């Protein structure tokens, strides 16, 4: 068994070297842009969606001190629309969902301190009606100070549950109403065009994407954890949910290019038998060259025990991969 493990480790190491040495040079249009999504802010974390002021300040400072450029969402979307150039190197997009009052009280001063733009996704049904939500006056002030406003539908339904509950036609009618009414209310209240939509709970399907484009949105965002590149679908742009107690090390790893599931399949070159998805329940780490060679090697990590589990060298910046993303 040890001999088999050693053989596989050596094969993986050879695959890494082959991929690194033979990989074609990056094209000018290649890029990696992580979109970050926050929800609430407070002096101390209160739930899974509340980031502390200290954490948020540290993350924004890290971006500044390490040469990252926080760009408006518009810059990224304009590229996909063919209206702009690729985003600059080390670009990052900041988004904030739900329209919680802490955005105005706590996040805005920090964003202004560093000169960072953000896109705020609002669901209008709560604005000015509940104590934890922003007021229309606050949203106008945020927009006047350079923060973009997007839609989060009208009342933030869970479309996954609604699709199970409703008949197909009823579901489509609900989706259309949520998409169009939210956009209309926000445009009437703010006097500006609403171009982007954040799917509530990150739920995305073909009907939602189709109805959103029909409603006039230029781009829609999910909470699939990966960065955007030149091939990303503007109907389902991925984002990284930033949770409380996210360490700077974890935060920095989000900012580094990560392979997408599609690229992971193409990168498997060892010729070794791949795990069976049906019979394997383990998580694994796949060696995948990054655009910039990693500066050092991390410790050897044992993957979950099981007949199909293996141990591999894990390099800094490499992504954890579920067996379903391995080539077959």
Protein backbone atom coordinates (compact mmCIF):
# COMPACT_ATOMS: atom_id res chain seq x y z
CA UNK A 1 0.00 0.00 0.00
CA UNK A 2 2.84 2.39 0.83
CA UNK A 3 4.42 1.61 -2.52
CA UNK A 4 1.17 2.49 -4.31
CA UNK A 5 0.87 5.78 -2.41
CA UNK A 6 4.46 6.69 -3.23
CA UNK A 7 3.90 5.87 -6.87
CA UNK A 8 0.86 8.14 -7.03
CA UNK A 9 2.62 10.97 -5.22
CA UNK A 10 5.52 10.80 -7.69
CA UNK A 11 3.10 10.71 -10.61
CA UNK A 12 1.29 13.77 -9.29
CA UNK A 13 4.59 15.59 -8.82
CA UNK A 14 5.54 14.73 -12.41
CA UNK A 15 2.16 15.98 -13.61
CA UNK A 16 2.74 19.28 -11.82
CA UNK A 17 6.16 19.75 -13.41
CA UNK A 18 4.81 18.83 -16.83
CA UNK A 19 1.91 21.24 -16.52
CA UNK A 20 4.17 24.03 -15.32
CA UNK A 21 6.89 23.54 -17.95
CA UNK A 22 4.58 22.90 -20.89
CA UNK A 23 1.78 25.32 -20.03
CA UNK A 24 1.29 28.02 -22.69
CA UNK A 25 2.00 31.62 -21.72
CA UNK A 26 -0.91 33.60 -20.32
CA UNK A 27 -2.81 35.67 -22.84
CA UNK A 28 -3.46 39.38 -22.35
CA UNK A 29 -7.18 38.63 -21.92
CA UNK A 30 -6.60 36.09 -19.12
CA UNK A 31 -7.51 37.41 -15.70
CA UNK A 32 -8.76 36.40 -12.28
CA UNK A 33 -11.13 38.67 -10.36
CA UNK A 34 -12.59 37.56 -7.02
CA UNK A 35 -15.93 39.13 -6.16
CA UNK A 36 -16.34 39.40 -2.39
CA UNK A 37 -19.79 39.44 -0.79
CA UNK A 38 -20.54 40.75 2.69
CA UNK A 39 -23.88 41.11 4.50
CA UNK A 40 -23.69 42.77 7.92
CA UNK A 41 -21.13 44.55 10.08
CA UNK A 42 -20.87 45.07 13.83
CA UNK A 43 -18.24 45.74 16.52
CA UNK A 44 -18.38 42.00 17.29
CA UNK A 45 -19.76 39.11 15.18
CA UNK A 46 -23.36 38.27 16.04
CA UNK A 47 -24.16 35.54 13.52
CA UNK A 48 -22.81 33.76 10.46
CA UNK A 49 -23.40 36.82 8.28
CA UNK A 50 -21.93 39.54 10.50
CA UNK A 51 -18.30 40.52 10.02
CA UNK A 52 -16.64 42.50 12.80
CA UNK A 53 -15.37 46.01 12.13
CA UNK A 54 -11.85 44.89 13.06
CA UNK A 55 -11.98 42.08 10.50
CA UNK A 56 -13.41 44.28 7.76
CA UNK A 57 -10.85 47.00 8.41
CA UNK A 58 -8.02 44.44 8.35
CA UNK A 59 -9.24 42.96 5.07
CA UNK A 60 -9.55 46.36 3.38
CA UNK A 61 -6.12 47.34 4.68
CA UNK A 62 -4.66 44.07 3.35
CA UNK A 63 -5.99 44.89 -0.11
CA UNK A 64 -4.40 48.34 0.00
CA UNK A 65 -1.04 47.24 1.39
CA UNK A 66 -0.67 44.38 -1.07
CA UNK A 67 -1.40 46.27 -4.25
CA UNK A 68 -4.92 45.07 -5.03
CA UNK A 69 -7.19 47.32 -7.05
CA UNK A 70 -10.83 47.41 -5.96
CA UNK A 71 -12.80 48.06 -9.13
CA UNK A 72 -16.50 48.77 -9.67
CA UNK A 73 -18.58 45.79 -10.72
CA UNK A 74 -19.31 47.79 -13.87
CA UNK A 75 -15.68 47.48 -15.02
CA UNK A 76 -15.91 43.70 -14.96
CA UNK A 77 -19.36 43.51 -16.55
CA UNK A 78 -18.42 45.97 -19.31
CA UNK A 79 -15.66 43.55 -20.36
CA UNK A 80 -18.20 40.73 -20.70
CA UNK A 81 -20.44 43.06 -22.70
CA UNK A 82 -17.59 43.87 -25.06
CA UNK A 83 -17.58 47.49 -23.95
CA UNK A 84 -14.31 47.58 -22.03
CA UNK A 85 -10.83 46.19 -21.59
CA UNK A 86 -9.99 43.24 -19.33
CA UNK A 87 -9.81 44.15 -15.64
CA UNK A 88 -6.37 45.24 -14.37
CA UNK A 89 -4.06 42.81 -12.57
CA UNK A 90 -4.91 42.11 -8.92
CA UNK A 91 -8.44 43.45 -9.36
CA UNK A 92 -11.11 42.78 -6.71
CA UNK A 93 -14.84 43.57 -6.62
CA UNK A 94 -16.72 44.23 -3.37
CA UNK A 95 -20.46 43.58 -3.03
CA UNK A 96 -22.78 43.81 -0.02
CA UNK A 97 -26.17 42.05 0.03
CA UNK A 98 -29.46 42.79 1.81
CA UNK A 99 -29.27 46.51 2.64
CA UNK A 100 -28.67 46.20 6.38
CA UNK A 101 -28.33 49.48 8.27
CA UNK A 102 -24.82 48.51 9.37
CA UNK A 103 -23.66 49.12 5.79
CA UNK A 104 -24.27 52.83 6.33
CA UNK A 105 -23.13 52.97 9.95
CA UNK A 106 -20.01 50.79 9.82
CA UNK A 107 -18.98 49.72 6.30
CA UNK A 108 -19.30 53.06 4.51
CA UNK A 109 -16.72 54.92 6.67
CA UNK A 110 -14.16 52.15 6.06
CA UNK A 111 -14.88 52.03 2.34
CA UNK A 112 -14.49 55.81 2.16
CA UNK A 113 -11.23 55.65 4.12
CA UNK A 114 -9.66 53.43 1.47
CA UNK A 115 -11.51 54.92 -1.49
CA UNK A 116 -13.16 51.63 -2.42
CA UNK A 117 -16.34 51.30 -4.49
CA UNK A 118 -18.89 48.61 -3.71
CA UNK A 119 -22.17 47.40 -5.14
CA UNK A 120 -25.05 47.14 -2.67
CA UNK A 121 -27.84 44.69 -3.49
CA UNK A 122 -31.18 45.78 -2.03
CA UNK A 123 -34.57 44.11 -1.69
CA UNK A 124 -37.05 47.00 -1.47
CA UNK A 125 -39.83 45.44 0.60
CA UNK A 126 -37.94 46.11 3.85
CA UNK A 127 -36.44 49.51 3.09
CA UNK A 128 -37.76 52.11 5.51
CA UNK A 129 -40.12 49.58 7.10
CA UNK A 130 -37.98 47.65 9.57
CA UNK A 131 -35.37 48.92 12.01
CA UNK A 132 -32.49 46.80 10.70
CA UNK A 133 -32.80 48.00 7.09
CA UNK A 134 -31.44 51.07 5.38
CA UNK A 135 -33.72 53.99 4.62
CA UNK A 136 -34.20 55.39 1.13
CA UNK A 137 -32.37 58.55 2.20
CA UNK A 138 -29.36 56.49 3.29
CA UNK A 139 -29.36 54.51 0.03
CA UNK A 140 -29.45 57.74 -1.99
CA UNK A 141 -26.54 59.08 0.04
CA UNK A 142 -24.57 55.88 -0.52
CA UNK A 143 -25.24 56.12 -4.25
CA UNK A 144 -24.27 59.80 -4.33
CA UNK A 145 -20.95 58.89 -2.71
CA UNK A 146 -20.06 56.45 -5.47
CA UNK A 147 -21.50 53.15 -4.25
CA UNK A 148 -23.50 51.33 -6.92
CA UNK A 149 -26.95 49.91 -6.23
CA UNK A 150 -28.30 46.62 -7.52
CA UNK A 151 -31.40 44.51 -7.04
CA UNK A 152 -31.80 41.57 -4.67
CA UNK A 153 -35.38 40.94 -5.92
CA UNK A 154 -38.40 42.48 -4.19
CA UNK A 155 -38.74 40.44 -1.01
CA UNK A 156 -35.81 37.97 -1.13
CA UNK A 157 -37.69 34.69 -1.77
CA UNK A 158 -36.01 31.31 -1.71
CA UNK A 159 -36.55 30.34 -5.34
CA UNK A 160 -35.41 26.78 -4.71
CA UNK A 161 -38.30 26.26 -2.31
CA UNK A 162 -40.73 28.20 -4.48
CA UNK A 163 -39.93 26.06 -7.49
CA UNK A 164 -40.84 22.93 -5.52
CA UNK A 165 -44.02 24.50 -4.16
CA UNK A 166 -45.42 26.08 -7.32
CA UNK A 167 -46.48 24.81 -10.71
CA UNK A 168 -44.02 25.69 -13.53
CA UNK A 169 -46.13 28.55 -14.86
CA UNK A 170 -46.75 29.94 -11.38
CA UNK A 171 -43.05 29.77 -10.63
CA UNK A 172 -42.16 31.69 -13.79
CA UNK A 173 -44.78 34.33 -12.96
CA UNK A 174 -43.33 34.75 -9.47
CA UNK A 175 -39.80 35.05 -10.81
CA UNK A 176 -40.82 37.63 -13.39
CA UNK A 177 -42.67 39.70 -10.79
CA UNK A 178 -39.75 39.62 -8.38
CA UNK A 179 -37.24 40.61 -11.05
CA UNK A 180 -39.22 43.40 -12.65
CA UNK A 181 -40.90 44.95 -9.60
CA UNK A 182 -37.66 45.27 -7.66
CA UNK A 183 -35.90 46.92 -10.58
CA UNK A 184 -38.79 49.31 -11.14
CA UNK A 185 -39.06 50.35 -7.48
CA UNK A 186 -35.33 50.94 -7.13
CA UNK A 187 -35.15 52.97 -10.34
CA UNK A 188 -38.13 55.10 -9.35
CA UNK A 189 -36.84 55.72 -5.83
CA UNK A 190 -33.23 56.40 -6.78
CA UNK A 191 -33.58 57.95 -10.22
CA UNK A 192 -30.88 55.76 -11.76
CA UNK A 193 -30.61 52.61 -13.82
CA UNK A 194 -30.41 49.28 -11.99
CA UNK A 195 -28.21 46.94 -14.02
CA UNK A 196 -27.25 44.07 -11.71
CA UNK A 197 -29.05 41.43 -9.70
CA UNK A 198 -27.90 39.26 -6.80
CA UNK A 199 -29.83 35.99 -6.64
CA UNK A 200 -31.38 35.55 -3.15
CA UNK A 201 -29.55 32.79 -1.26
CA UNK A 202 -27.39 32.41 -4.36
CA UNK A 203 -30.05 30.19 -5.96
CA UNK A 204 -29.63 30.09 -9.73
CA UNK A 205 -31.39 28.18 -12.49
CA UNK A 206 -32.16 28.62 -16.18
CA UNK A 207 -35.54 30.24 -15.54
CA UNK A 208 -34.06 32.79 -13.15
CA UNK A 209 -31.27 33.68 -15.55
CA UNK A 210 -33.63 33.96 -18.52
CA UNK A 211 -36.14 36.13 -16.65
CA UNK A 212 -33.41 38.36 -15.25
CA UNK A 213 -32.01 39.10 -18.69
CA UNK A 214 -35.53 39.72 -19.98
CA UNK A 215 -36.09 42.18 -17.14
CA UNK A 216 -33.11 44.18 -18.34
CA UNK A 217 -30.32 43.18 -15.98
CA UNK A 218 -26.84 43.12 -17.49
CA UNK A 219 -25.33 40.69 -14.98
CA UNK A 220 -26.44 38.44 -12.12
CA UNK A 221 -24.43 37.14 -9.20
CA UNK A 222 -24.42 33.87 -7.25
CA UNK A 223 -22.44 32.71 -4.19
CA UNK A 224 -20.53 29.93 -5.94
CA UNK A 225 -17.06 30.10 -4.38
CA UNK A 226 -14.65 30.86 -7.19
CA UNK A 227 -13.24 33.85 -8.99
CA UNK A 228 -14.27 35.33 -12.30
CA UNK A 229 -12.21 34.88 -15.44
CA UNK A 230 -12.60 35.69 -19.12
CA UNK A 231 -14.95 32.71 -19.61
CA UNK A 232 -17.37 33.48 -16.77
CA UNK A 233 -21.09 33.67 -17.50
CA UNK A 234 -22.45 37.12 -16.64
CA UNK A 235 -25.78 35.46 -15.91
CA UNK A 236 -24.23 33.64 -12.94
CA UNK A 237 -21.07 35.38 -11.79
CA UNK A 238 -19.45 33.60 -8.81
CA UNK A 239 -18.63 35.27 -5.49
CA UNK A 240 -16.83 34.47 -2.27
CA UNK A 241 -18.99 34.83 0.84
CA UNK A 242 -16.86 36.48 3.53
CA UNK A 243 -17.85 35.05 6.91
CA UNK A 244 -16.88 36.18 10.41
CA UNK A 245 -13.55 34.97 11.78
CA UNK A 246 -12.04 34.71 8.31
CA UNK A 247 -8.30 34.86 8.89
CA UNK A 248 -6.06 37.05 6.77
CA UNK A 249 -4.39 33.89 5.50
CA UNK A 250 -7.74 32.54 4.32
CA UNK A 251 -8.68 35.94 2.94
CA UNK A 252 -5.44 36.15 0.97
CA UNK A 253 -6.00 32.68 -0.52
CA UNK A 254 -9.31 33.88 -1.97
CA UNK A 255 -7.45 36.62 -3.80
CA UNK A 256 -5.14 34.12 -5.54
CA UNK A 257 -6.15 32.49 -8.83
CA UNK A 258 -7.97 29.20 -8.30
CA UNK A 259 -8.75 26.61 -10.99
CA UNK A 260 -12.40 26.23 -11.94
CA UNK A 261 -14.01 22.76 -12.03
CA UNK A 262 -13.88 22.76 -15.83
CA UNK A 263 -10.17 23.49 -15.84
CA UNK A 264 -9.56 20.86 -13.20
CA UNK A 265 -10.87 18.17 -15.49
CA UNK A 266 -8.62 19.32 -18.31
CA UNK A 267 -5.58 19.44 -16.05
CA UNK A 268 -5.57 15.77 -14.96
CA UNK A 269 -2.61 14.34 -16.90
CA UNK A 270 -1.18 11.54 -14.80
CA UNK A 271 -3.08 8.75 -16.49
CA UNK A 272 -3.95 7.29 -13.08
CA UNK A 273 -7.41 5.85 -12.46
CA UNK A 274 -9.66 8.59 -11.12
CA UNK A 275 -11.93 8.10 -8.12
CA UNK A 276 -15.45 6.92 -8.70
CA UNK A 277 -17.89 9.57 -7.67
CA UNK A 278 -20.54 7.04 -6.81
CA UNK A 279 -18.38 5.03 -4.45
CA UNK A 280 -16.12 7.72 -3.03
CA UNK A 281 -17.15 10.04 -0.22
CA UNK A 282 -13.72 11.47 0.53
CA UNK A 283 -12.49 14.99 -0.15
CA UNK A 284 -9.24 15.33 -2.03
CA UNK A 285 -6.63 17.87 -3.04
CA UNK A 286 -5.60 18.06 -6.66
CA UNK A 287 -2.20 19.44 -7.64
CA UNK A 288 -2.85 22.23 -10.10
CA UNK A 289 -0.24 24.71 -11.36
CA UNK A 290 -1.13 28.33 -10.70
CA UNK A 291 -0.17 31.17 -13.09
CA UNK A 292 2.62 32.20 -10.74
CA UNK A 293 4.74 29.34 -9.35
CA UNK A 294 4.15 28.86 -5.63
CA UNK A 295 7.05 30.09 -3.56
CA UNK A 296 7.15 27.17 -1.18
CA UNK A 297 5.59 23.81 -0.47
CA UNK A 298 3.21 23.18 2.38
CA UNK A 299 3.18 20.09 4.55
CA UNK A 300 1.96 16.75 3.27
CA UNK A 301 -1.74 16.49 4.02
CA UNK A 302 -3.49 13.17 4.55
CA UNK A 303 -6.87 13.19 2.86
CA UNK A 304 -9.92 11.57 4.41
CA UNK A 305 -9.40 7.86 4.98
CA UNK A 306 -11.05 5.46 2.57
CA UNK A 307 -10.14 2.89 -0.03
CA UNK A 308 -9.87 5.53 -2.71
CA UNK A 309 -8.26 8.29 -0.64
CA UNK A 310 -4.65 9.26 -1.22
CA UNK A 311 -2.10 11.63 0.30
CA UNK A 312 -0.66 14.36 -1.90
CA UNK A 313 1.61 17.33 -1.56
CA UNK A 314 -0.46 20.46 -1.16
CA UNK A 315 1.00 23.67 -2.51
CA UNK A 316 0.05 27.12 -1.34
CA UNK A 317 -2.75 28.54 -3.42
CA UNK A 318 -4.02 25.21 -4.67
CA UNK A 319 -7.68 24.40 -4.37
CA UNK A 320 -9.52 21.67 -2.52
CA UNK A 321 -11.37 19.55 -5.03
CA UNK A 322 -14.38 17.29 -4.57
CA UNK A 323 -14.22 13.96 -6.43
CA UNK A 324 -17.07 14.99 -8.71
CA UNK A 325 -14.76 17.54 -10.33
CA UNK A 326 -12.09 14.97 -11.22
CA UNK A 327 -11.80 13.83 -14.80
CA UNK A 328 -13.29 10.46 -15.62
